[in-house]
mmCIF file of all heavy atoms, coordinates in Angstrom:
data_MODEL
# 
_entry.id   MODEL 
# 
loop_
_atom_site.group_PDB 
_atom_site.id 
_atom_site.type_symbol 
_atom_site.label_atom_id 
_atom_site.label_alt_id 
_atom_site.label_comp_id 
_atom_site.label_asym_id 
_atom_site.label_entity_id 
_atom_site.label_seq_id 
_atom_site.pdbx_PDB_ins_code 
_atom_site.Cartn_x 
_atom_site.Cartn_y 
_atom_site.Cartn_z 
_atom_site.occupancy 
_atom_site.B_iso_or_equiv 
_atom_site.pdbx_formal_charge 
_atom_site.auth_seq_id 
_atom_site.auth_comp_id 
_atom_site.auth_asym_id 
_atom_site.auth_atom_id 
_atom_site.pdbx_PDB_model_num 
ATOM 1   N N   . SER A 1 1  ? 41.182 106.297 102.714 1.00 0.00 ? 1  SER A N   1 
ATOM 2   C CA  . SER A 1 1  ? 40.543 105.690 103.872 1.00 0.00 ? 1  SER A CA  1 
ATOM 3   C C   . SER A 1 1  ? 41.522 105.388 105.003 1.00 0.00 ? 1  SER A C   1 
ATOM 4   O O   . SER A 1 1  ? 41.099 105.039 106.101 1.00 0.00 ? 1  SER A O   1 
ATOM 5   C CB  . SER A 1 1  ? 39.836 104.404 103.469 1.00 0.00 ? 1  SER A CB  1 
ATOM 6   O OG  . SER A 1 1  ? 40.756 103.436 103.019 1.00 0.00 ? 1  SER A OG  1 
ATOM 7   N N   . GLY A 1 2  ? 42.809 105.499 104.728 1.00 0.00 ? 2  GLY A N   1 
ATOM 8   C CA  . GLY A 1 2  ? 43.824 105.224 105.722 1.00 0.00 ? 2  GLY A CA  1 
ATOM 9   C C   . GLY A 1 2  ? 44.575 103.927 105.524 1.00 0.00 ? 2  GLY A C   1 
ATOM 10  O O   . GLY A 1 2  ? 45.580 103.687 106.200 1.00 0.00 ? 2  GLY A O   1 
ATOM 11  N N   . GLY A 1 3  ? 44.112 103.091 104.626 1.00 0.00 ? 3  GLY A N   1 
ATOM 12  C CA  . GLY A 1 3  ? 44.807 101.856 104.350 1.00 0.00 ? 3  GLY A CA  1 
ATOM 13  C C   . GLY A 1 3  ? 46.149 102.104 103.687 1.00 0.00 ? 3  GLY A C   1 
ATOM 14  O O   . GLY A 1 3  ? 46.363 103.132 103.050 1.00 0.00 ? 3  GLY A O   1 
ATOM 15  N N   . THR A 1 4  ? 47.052 101.153 103.823 1.00 0.00 ? 4  THR A N   1 
ATOM 16  C CA  . THR A 1 4  ? 48.399 101.323 103.305 1.00 0.00 ? 4  THR A CA  1 
ATOM 17  C C   . THR A 1 4  ? 48.815 100.151 102.430 1.00 0.00 ? 4  THR A C   1 
ATOM 18  O O   . THR A 1 4  ? 48.320 99.034  102.578 1.00 0.00 ? 4  THR A O   1 
ATOM 19  C CB  . THR A 1 4  ? 49.424 101.469 104.436 1.00 0.00 ? 4  THR A CB  1 
ATOM 20  O OG1 . THR A 1 4  ? 49.345 100.330 105.306 1.00 0.00 ? 4  THR A OG1 1 
ATOM 21  C CG2 . THR A 1 4  ? 49.151 102.733 105.248 1.00 0.00 ? 4  THR A CG2 1 
ATOM 22  N N   . ASN A 1 5  ? 49.730 100.437 101.520 1.00 0.00 ? 5  ASN A N   1 
ATOM 23  C CA  . ASN A 1 5  ? 50.343 99.423  100.681 1.00 0.00 ? 5  ASN A CA  1 
ATOM 24  C C   . ASN A 1 5  ? 51.833 99.695  100.603 1.00 0.00 ? 5  ASN A C   1 
ATOM 25  O O   . ASN A 1 5  ? 52.252 100.851 100.506 1.00 0.00 ? 5  ASN A O   1 
ATOM 26  C CB  . ASN A 1 5  ? 49.743 99.432  99.270  1.00 0.00 ? 5  ASN A CB  1 
ATOM 27  C CG  . ASN A 1 5  ? 48.311 98.964  99.237  1.00 0.00 ? 5  ASN A CG  1 
ATOM 28  O OD1 . ASN A 1 5  ? 48.016 97.800  99.527  1.00 0.00 ? 5  ASN A OD1 1 
ATOM 29  N ND2 . ASN A 1 5  ? 47.398 99.863  98.894  1.00 0.00 ? 5  ASN A ND2 1 
ATOM 30  N N   . TYR A 1 6  ? 52.616 98.627  100.636 1.00 0.00 ? 6  TYR A N   1 
ATOM 31  C CA  . TYR A 1 6  ? 54.064 98.744  100.609 1.00 0.00 ? 6  TYR A CA  1 
ATOM 32  C C   . TYR A 1 6  ? 54.660 97.848  99.540  1.00 0.00 ? 6  TYR A C   1 
ATOM 33  O O   . TYR A 1 6  ? 54.136 96.766  99.249  1.00 0.00 ? 6  TYR A O   1 
ATOM 34  C CB  . TYR A 1 6  ? 54.674 98.338  101.950 1.00 0.00 ? 6  TYR A CB  1 
ATOM 35  C CG  . TYR A 1 6  ? 54.278 99.216  103.108 1.00 0.00 ? 6  TYR A CG  1 
ATOM 36  C CD1 . TYR A 1 6  ? 53.186 98.897  103.902 1.00 0.00 ? 6  TYR A CD1 1 
ATOM 37  C CD2 . TYR A 1 6  ? 55.010 100.366 103.414 1.00 0.00 ? 6  TYR A CD2 1 
ATOM 38  C CE1 . TYR A 1 6  ? 52.819 99.696  104.968 1.00 0.00 ? 6  TYR A CE1 1 
ATOM 39  C CE2 . TYR A 1 6  ? 54.647 101.169 104.473 1.00 0.00 ? 6  TYR A CE2 1 
ATOM 40  C CZ  . TYR A 1 6  ? 53.549 100.834 105.254 1.00 0.00 ? 6  TYR A CZ  1 
ATOM 41  O OH  . TYR A 1 6  ? 53.196 101.641 106.310 1.00 0.00 ? 6  TYR A OH  1 
ATOM 42  N N   . ALA A 1 7  ? 55.763 98.310  98.990  1.00 0.00 ? 7  ALA A N   1 
ATOM 43  C CA  . ALA A 1 7  ? 56.546 97.444  98.132  1.00 0.00 ? 7  ALA A CA  1 
ATOM 44  C C   . ALA A 1 7  ? 57.090 96.288  98.959  1.00 0.00 ? 7  ALA A C   1 
ATOM 45  O O   . ALA A 1 7  ? 57.429 96.453  100.135 1.00 0.00 ? 7  ALA A O   1 
ATOM 46  C CB  . ALA A 1 7  ? 57.699 98.217  97.498  1.00 0.00 ? 7  ALA A CB  1 
ATOM 47  N N   . ASP A 1 8  ? 57.174 95.114  98.353  1.00 0.00 ? 8  ASP A N   1 
ATOM 48  C CA  . ASP A 1 8  ? 57.672 93.951  99.081  1.00 0.00 ? 8  ASP A CA  1 
ATOM 49  C C   . ASP A 1 8  ? 59.056 94.196  99.669  1.00 0.00 ? 8  ASP A C   1 
ATOM 50  O O   . ASP A 1 8  ? 59.382 93.691  100.748 1.00 0.00 ? 8  ASP A O   1 
ATOM 51  C CB  . ASP A 1 8  ? 57.718 92.726  98.162  1.00 0.00 ? 8  ASP A CB  1 
ATOM 52  C CG  . ASP A 1 8  ? 56.342 92.183  97.843  1.00 0.00 ? 8  ASP A CG  1 
ATOM 53  O OD1 . ASP A 1 8  ? 55.371 92.506  98.562  1.00 0.00 ? 8  ASP A OD1 1 
ATOM 54  O OD2 . ASP A 1 8  ? 56.230 91.419  96.862  1.00 0.00 ? 8  ASP A OD2 1 
ATOM 55  N N   . SER A 1 9  ? 59.862 94.969  98.978  1.00 0.00 ? 9  SER A N   1 
ATOM 56  C CA  . SER A 1 9  ? 61.226 95.190  99.403  1.00 0.00 ? 9  SER A CA  1 
ATOM 57  C C   . SER A 1 9  ? 61.349 95.999  100.691 1.00 0.00 ? 9  SER A C   1 
ATOM 58  O O   . SER A 1 9  ? 62.405 95.983  101.325 1.00 0.00 ? 9  SER A O   1 
ATOM 59  C CB  . SER A 1 9  ? 62.020 95.886  98.294  1.00 0.00 ? 9  SER A CB  1 
ATOM 60  O OG  . SER A 1 9  ? 61.445 97.138  97.969  1.00 0.00 ? 9  SER A OG  1 
ATOM 61  N N   . VAL A 1 10 ? 60.288 96.697  101.081 1.00 0.00 ? 10 VAL A N   1 
ATOM 62  C CA  . VAL A 1 10 ? 60.362 97.543  102.275 1.00 0.00 ? 10 VAL A CA  1 
ATOM 63  C C   . VAL A 1 10 ? 59.412 97.108  103.375 1.00 0.00 ? 10 VAL A C   1 
ATOM 64  O O   . VAL A 1 10 ? 59.422 97.703  104.462 1.00 0.00 ? 10 VAL A O   1 
ATOM 65  C CB  . VAL A 1 10 ? 60.111 99.027  101.940 1.00 0.00 ? 10 VAL A CB  1 
ATOM 66  C CG1 . VAL A 1 10 ? 61.046 99.491  100.826 1.00 0.00 ? 10 VAL A CG1 1 
ATOM 67  C CG2 . VAL A 1 10 ? 58.653 99.274  101.575 1.00 0.00 ? 10 VAL A CG2 1 
ATOM 68  N N   . LYS A 1 11 ? 58.616 96.095  103.137 1.00 0.00 ? 11 LYS A N   1 
ATOM 69  C CA  . LYS A 1 11 ? 57.676 95.630  104.151 1.00 0.00 ? 11 LYS A CA  1 
ATOM 70  C C   . LYS A 1 11 ? 58.412 95.227  105.424 1.00 0.00 ? 11 LYS A C   1 
ATOM 71  O O   . LYS A 1 11 ? 59.422 94.538  105.382 1.00 0.00 ? 11 LYS A O   1 
ATOM 72  C CB  . LYS A 1 11 ? 56.861 94.452  103.628 1.00 0.00 ? 11 LYS A CB  1 
ATOM 73  C CG  . LYS A 1 11 ? 55.801 94.831  102.626 1.00 0.00 ? 11 LYS A CG  1 
ATOM 74  C CD  . LYS A 1 11 ? 55.008 93.612  102.159 1.00 0.00 ? 11 LYS A CD  1 
ATOM 75  C CE  . LYS A 1 11 ? 53.925 94.004  101.169 1.00 0.00 ? 11 LYS A CE  1 
ATOM 76  N NZ  . LYS A 1 11 ? 53.189 92.823  100.655 1.00 0.00 ? 11 LYS A NZ  1 
ATOM 77  N N   . GLY A 1 12 ? 57.877 95.682  106.537 1.00 0.00 ? 12 GLY A N   1 
ATOM 78  C CA  . GLY A 1 12 ? 58.488 95.390  107.820 1.00 0.00 ? 12 GLY A CA  1 
ATOM 79  C C   . GLY A 1 12 ? 59.571 96.360  108.219 1.00 0.00 ? 12 GLY A C   1 
ATOM 80  O O   . GLY A 1 12 ? 60.030 96.326  109.364 1.00 0.00 ? 12 GLY A O   1 
ATOM 81  N N   . ARG A 1 13 ? 59.993 97.209  107.295 1.00 0.00 ? 13 ARG A N   1 
ATOM 82  C CA  . ARG A 1 13 ? 61.049 98.176  107.583 1.00 0.00 ? 13 ARG A CA  1 
ATOM 83  C C   . ARG A 1 13 ? 60.567 99.624  107.496 1.00 0.00 ? 13 ARG A C   1 
ATOM 84  O O   . ARG A 1 13 ? 61.003 100.468 108.276 1.00 0.00 ? 13 ARG A O   1 
ATOM 85  C CB  . ARG A 1 13 ? 62.224 97.991  106.620 1.00 0.00 ? 13 ARG A CB  1 
ATOM 86  C CG  . ARG A 1 13 ? 62.865 96.614  106.682 1.00 0.00 ? 13 ARG A CG  1 
ATOM 87  C CD  . ARG A 1 13 ? 64.148 96.560  105.867 1.00 0.00 ? 13 ARG A CD  1 
ATOM 88  N NE  . ARG A 1 13 ? 63.907 96.792  104.440 1.00 0.00 ? 13 ARG A NE  1 
ATOM 89  C CZ  . ARG A 1 13 ? 64.430 97.797  103.738 1.00 0.00 ? 13 ARG A CZ  1 
ATOM 90  N NH1 . ARG A 1 13 ? 65.247 98.666  104.326 1.00 0.00 ? 13 ARG A NH1 1 
ATOM 91  N NH2 . ARG A 1 13 ? 64.163 97.919  102.442 1.00 0.00 ? 13 ARG A NH2 1 
ATOM 92  N N   . PHE A 1 14 ? 59.690 99.910  106.548 1.00 0.00 ? 14 PHE A N   1 
ATOM 93  C CA  . PHE A 1 14 ? 59.207 101.273 106.331 1.00 0.00 ? 14 PHE A CA  1 
ATOM 94  C C   . PHE A 1 14 ? 57.763 101.393 106.780 1.00 0.00 ? 14 PHE A C   1 
ATOM 95  O O   . PHE A 1 14 ? 56.978 100.434 106.670 1.00 0.00 ? 14 PHE A O   1 
ATOM 96  C CB  . PHE A 1 14 ? 59.274 101.656 104.852 1.00 0.00 ? 14 PHE A CB  1 
ATOM 97  C CG  . PHE A 1 14 ? 60.665 101.807 104.286 1.00 0.00 ? 14 PHE A CG  1 
ATOM 98  C CD1 . PHE A 1 14 ? 61.799 101.476 105.009 1.00 0.00 ? 14 PHE A CD1 1 
ATOM 99  C CD2 . PHE A 1 14 ? 60.816 102.304 102.998 1.00 0.00 ? 14 PHE A CD2 1 
ATOM 100 C CE1 . PHE A 1 14 ? 63.063 101.618 104.472 1.00 0.00 ? 14 PHE A CE1 1 
ATOM 101 C CE2 . PHE A 1 14 ? 62.080 102.454 102.446 1.00 0.00 ? 14 PHE A CE2 1 
ATOM 102 C CZ  . PHE A 1 14 ? 63.205 102.112 103.178 1.00 0.00 ? 14 PHE A CZ  1 
ATOM 103 N N   . THR A 1 15 ? 57.398 102.572 107.254 1.00 0.00 ? 15 THR A N   1 
ATOM 104 C CA  . THR A 1 15 ? 56.031 102.850 107.664 1.00 0.00 ? 15 THR A CA  1 
ATOM 105 C C   . THR A 1 15 ? 55.603 104.206 107.140 1.00 0.00 ? 15 THR A C   1 
ATOM 106 O O   . THR A 1 15 ? 56.287 105.202 107.367 1.00 0.00 ? 15 THR A O   1 
ATOM 107 C CB  . THR A 1 15 ? 55.884 102.836 109.196 1.00 0.00 ? 15 THR A CB  1 
ATOM 108 O OG1 . THR A 1 15 ? 56.315 101.574 109.720 1.00 0.00 ? 15 THR A OG1 1 
ATOM 109 C CG2 . THR A 1 15 ? 54.430 103.064 109.592 1.00 0.00 ? 15 THR A CG2 1 
ATOM 110 N N   . ILE A 1 16 ? 54.479 104.248 106.447 1.00 0.00 ? 16 ILE A N   1 
ATOM 111 C CA  . ILE A 1 16 ? 53.927 105.508 105.978 1.00 0.00 ? 16 ILE A CA  1 
ATOM 112 C C   . ILE A 1 16 ? 52.814 105.938 106.925 1.00 0.00 ? 16 ILE A C   1 
ATOM 113 O O   . ILE A 1 16 ? 52.043 105.116 107.420 1.00 0.00 ? 16 ILE A O   1 
ATOM 114 C CB  . ILE A 1 16 ? 53.411 105.400 104.524 1.00 0.00 ? 16 ILE A CB  1 
ATOM 115 C CG1 . ILE A 1 16 ? 53.006 106.775 103.989 1.00 0.00 ? 16 ILE A CG1 1 
ATOM 116 C CG2 . ILE A 1 16 ? 52.271 104.401 104.413 1.00 0.00 ? 16 ILE A CG2 1 
ATOM 117 C CD1 . ILE A 1 16 ? 52.712 106.790 102.487 1.00 0.00 ? 16 ILE A CD1 1 
ATOM 118 N N   . SER A 1 17 ? 52.743 107.221 107.189 1.00 0.00 ? 17 SER A N   1 
ATOM 119 C CA  . SER A 1 17 ? 51.706 107.764 108.046 1.00 0.00 ? 17 SER A CA  1 
ATOM 120 C C   . SER A 1 17 ? 51.378 109.179 107.599 1.00 0.00 ? 17 SER A C   1 
ATOM 121 O O   . SER A 1 17 ? 52.080 109.755 106.763 1.00 0.00 ? 17 SER A O   1 
ATOM 122 C CB  . SER A 1 17 ? 52.128 107.746 109.520 1.00 0.00 ? 17 SER A CB  1 
ATOM 123 O OG  . SER A 1 17 ? 53.279 108.544 109.729 1.00 0.00 ? 17 SER A OG  1 
ATOM 124 N N   . ARG A 1 18 ? 50.329 109.727 108.155 1.00 0.00 ? 18 ARG A N   1 
ATOM 125 C CA  . ARG A 1 18 ? 49.933 111.076 107.786 1.00 0.00 ? 18 ARG A CA  1 
ATOM 126 C C   . ARG A 1 18 ? 49.417 111.834 108.991 1.00 0.00 ? 18 ARG A C   1 
ATOM 127 O O   . ARG A 1 18 ? 48.954 111.250 109.970 1.00 0.00 ? 18 ARG A O   1 
ATOM 128 C CB  . ARG A 1 18 ? 48.866 111.051 106.689 1.00 0.00 ? 18 ARG A CB  1 
ATOM 129 C CG  . ARG A 1 18 ? 47.534 110.450 107.144 1.00 0.00 ? 18 ARG A CG  1 
ATOM 130 C CD  . ARG A 1 18 ? 46.555 110.316 106.007 1.00 0.00 ? 18 ARG A CD  1 
ATOM 131 N NE  . ARG A 1 18 ? 45.283 109.752 106.460 1.00 0.00 ? 18 ARG A NE  1 
ATOM 132 C CZ  . ARG A 1 18 ? 44.314 109.337 105.672 1.00 0.00 ? 18 ARG A CZ  1 
ATOM 133 N NH1 . ARG A 1 18 ? 44.465 109.413 104.345 1.00 0.00 ? 18 ARG A NH1 1 
ATOM 134 N NH2 . ARG A 1 18 ? 43.193 108.840 106.180 1.00 0.00 ? 18 ARG A NH2 1 
ATOM 135 N N   . ASP A 1 19 ? 49.502 113.141 108.895 1.00 0.00 ? 19 ASP A N   1 
ATOM 136 C CA  . ASP A 1 19 ? 48.931 114.047 109.878 1.00 0.00 ? 19 ASP A CA  1 
ATOM 137 C C   . ASP A 1 19 ? 48.038 114.989 109.091 1.00 0.00 ? 19 ASP A C   1 
ATOM 138 O O   . ASP A 1 19 ? 48.520 115.926 108.454 1.00 0.00 ? 19 ASP A O   1 
ATOM 139 C CB  . ASP A 1 19 ? 50.024 114.804 110.625 1.00 0.00 ? 19 ASP A CB  1 
ATOM 140 C CG  . ASP A 1 19 ? 49.484 115.676 111.744 1.00 0.00 ? 19 ASP A CG  1 
ATOM 141 O OD1 . ASP A 1 19 ? 48.321 116.120 111.662 1.00 0.00 ? 19 ASP A OD1 1 
ATOM 142 O OD2 . ASP A 1 19 ? 50.225 115.923 112.709 1.00 0.00 ? 19 ASP A OD2 1 
ATOM 143 N N   . ASN A 1 20 ? 46.756 114.727 109.124 1.00 0.00 ? 20 ASN A N   1 
ATOM 144 C CA  . ASN A 1 20 ? 45.828 115.509 108.317 1.00 0.00 ? 20 ASN A CA  1 
ATOM 145 C C   . ASN A 1 20 ? 45.802 116.981 108.718 1.00 0.00 ? 20 ASN A C   1 
ATOM 146 O O   . ASN A 1 20 ? 45.650 117.856 107.865 1.00 0.00 ? 20 ASN A O   1 
ATOM 147 C CB  . ASN A 1 20 ? 44.425 114.920 108.407 1.00 0.00 ? 20 ASN A CB  1 
ATOM 148 C CG  . ASN A 1 20 ? 44.299 113.593 107.696 1.00 0.00 ? 20 ASN A CG  1 
ATOM 149 O OD1 . ASN A 1 20 ? 45.043 113.300 106.764 1.00 0.00 ? 20 ASN A OD1 1 
ATOM 150 N ND2 . ASN A 1 20 ? 43.339 112.778 108.122 1.00 0.00 ? 20 ASN A ND2 1 
ATOM 151 N N   . ALA A 1 21 ? 45.930 117.252 110.013 1.00 0.00 ? 21 ALA A N   1 
ATOM 152 C CA  . ALA A 1 21 ? 45.901 118.630 110.484 1.00 0.00 ? 21 ALA A CA  1 
ATOM 153 C C   . ALA A 1 21 ? 47.053 119.439 109.908 1.00 0.00 ? 21 ALA A C   1 
ATOM 154 O O   . ALA A 1 21 ? 46.924 120.643 109.683 1.00 0.00 ? 21 ALA A O   1 
ATOM 155 C CB  . ALA A 1 21 ? 45.922 118.679 112.008 1.00 0.00 ? 21 ALA A CB  1 
ATOM 156 N N   . LYS A 1 22 ? 48.186 118.790 109.696 1.00 0.00 ? 22 LYS A N   1 
ATOM 157 C CA  . LYS A 1 22 ? 49.364 119.455 109.150 1.00 0.00 ? 22 LYS A CA  1 
ATOM 158 C C   . LYS A 1 22 ? 49.512 119.243 107.652 1.00 0.00 ? 22 LYS A C   1 
ATOM 159 O O   . LYS A 1 22 ? 50.471 119.741 107.055 1.00 0.00 ? 22 LYS A O   1 
ATOM 160 C CB  . LYS A 1 22 ? 50.622 118.968 109.862 1.00 0.00 ? 22 LYS A CB  1 
ATOM 161 C CG  . LYS A 1 22 ? 50.666 119.289 111.346 1.00 0.00 ? 22 LYS A CG  1 
ATOM 162 C CD  . LYS A 1 22 ? 51.949 118.778 111.979 1.00 0.00 ? 22 LYS A CD  1 
ATOM 163 C CE  . LYS A 1 22 ? 52.008 119.131 113.453 1.00 0.00 ? 22 LYS A CE  1 
ATOM 164 N NZ  . LYS A 1 22 ? 53.255 118.629 114.094 1.00 0.00 ? 22 LYS A NZ  1 
ATOM 165 N N   . ASN A 1 23 ? 48.584 118.494 107.067 1.00 0.00 ? 23 ASN A N   1 
ATOM 166 C CA  . ASN A 1 23 ? 48.639 118.181 105.646 1.00 0.00 ? 23 ASN A CA  1 
ATOM 167 C C   . ASN A 1 23 ? 50.013 117.615 105.268 1.00 0.00 ? 23 ASN A C   1 
ATOM 168 O O   . ASN A 1 23 ? 50.629 118.023 104.283 1.00 0.00 ? 23 ASN A O   1 
ATOM 169 C CB  . ASN A 1 23 ? 48.323 119.409 104.792 1.00 0.00 ? 23 ASN A CB  1 
ATOM 170 C CG  . ASN A 1 23 ? 47.721 119.044 103.445 1.00 0.00 ? 23 ASN A CG  1 
ATOM 171 O OD1 . ASN A 1 23 ? 47.259 117.929 103.232 1.00 0.00 ? 23 ASN A OD1 1 
ATOM 172 N ND2 . ASN A 1 23 ? 47.731 120.001 102.521 1.00 0.00 ? 23 ASN A ND2 1 
ATOM 173 N N   . THR A 1 24 ? 50.445 116.657 106.066 1.00 0.00 ? 24 THR A N   1 
ATOM 174 C CA  . THR A 1 24 ? 51.783 116.103 105.947 1.00 0.00 ? 24 THR A CA  1 
ATOM 175 C C   . THR A 1 24 ? 51.738 114.582 105.908 1.00 0.00 ? 24 THR A C   1 
ATOM 176 O O   . THR A 1 24 ? 50.935 113.962 106.600 1.00 0.00 ? 24 THR A O   1 
ATOM 177 C CB  . THR A 1 24 ? 52.659 116.556 107.131 1.00 0.00 ? 24 THR A CB  1 
ATOM 178 O OG1 . THR A 1 24 ? 52.727 117.984 107.156 1.00 0.00 ? 24 THR A OG1 1 
ATOM 179 C CG2 . THR A 1 24 ? 54.062 115.993 107.029 1.00 0.00 ? 24 THR A CG2 1 
ATOM 180 N N   . VAL A 1 25 ? 52.606 114.005 105.108 1.00 0.00 ? 25 VAL A N   1 
ATOM 181 C CA  . VAL A 1 25 ? 52.777 112.565 105.078 1.00 0.00 ? 25 VAL A CA  1 
ATOM 182 C C   . VAL A 1 25 ? 54.226 112.249 105.433 1.00 0.00 ? 25 VAL A C   1 
ATOM 183 O O   . VAL A 1 25 ? 55.140 113.002 105.077 1.00 0.00 ? 25 VAL A O   1 
ATOM 184 C CB  . VAL A 1 25 ? 52.379 111.971 103.714 1.00 0.00 ? 25 VAL A CB  1 
ATOM 185 C CG1 . VAL A 1 25 ? 53.297 112.466 102.603 1.00 0.00 ? 25 VAL A CG1 1 
ATOM 186 C CG2 . VAL A 1 25 ? 52.361 110.448 103.769 1.00 0.00 ? 25 VAL A CG2 1 
ATOM 187 N N   . TYR A 1 26 ? 54.426 111.154 106.144 1.00 0.00 ? 26 TYR A N   1 
ATOM 188 C CA  . TYR A 1 26 ? 55.745 110.764 106.617 1.00 0.00 ? 26 TYR A CA  1 
ATOM 189 C C   . TYR A 1 26 ? 56.118 109.381 106.099 1.00 0.00 ? 26 TYR A C   1 
ATOM 190 O O   . TYR A 1 26 ? 55.259 108.556 105.804 1.00 0.00 ? 26 TYR A O   1 
ATOM 191 C CB  . TYR A 1 26 ? 55.787 110.725 108.145 1.00 0.00 ? 26 TYR A CB  1 
ATOM 192 C CG  . TYR A 1 26 ? 55.360 111.999 108.818 1.00 0.00 ? 26 TYR A CG  1 
ATOM 193 C CD1 . TYR A 1 26 ? 54.043 112.179 109.236 1.00 0.00 ? 26 TYR A CD1 1 
ATOM 194 C CD2 . TYR A 1 26 ? 56.271 113.030 109.039 1.00 0.00 ? 26 TYR A CD2 1 
ATOM 195 C CE1 . TYR A 1 26 ? 53.647 113.347 109.860 1.00 0.00 ? 26 TYR A CE1 1 
ATOM 196 C CE2 . TYR A 1 26 ? 55.876 114.202 109.659 1.00 0.00 ? 26 TYR A CE2 1 
ATOM 197 C CZ  . TYR A 1 26 ? 54.568 114.356 110.069 1.00 0.00 ? 26 TYR A CZ  1 
ATOM 198 O OH  . TYR A 1 26 ? 54.184 115.524 110.688 1.00 0.00 ? 26 TYR A OH  1 
# 
């Protein structure tokens, strides 16, 4: 659905995203 979850150790520093057209996650 697009929601995200992060490990506590990386919150505020890491960001996950995706590009569906490219079938890629960053």
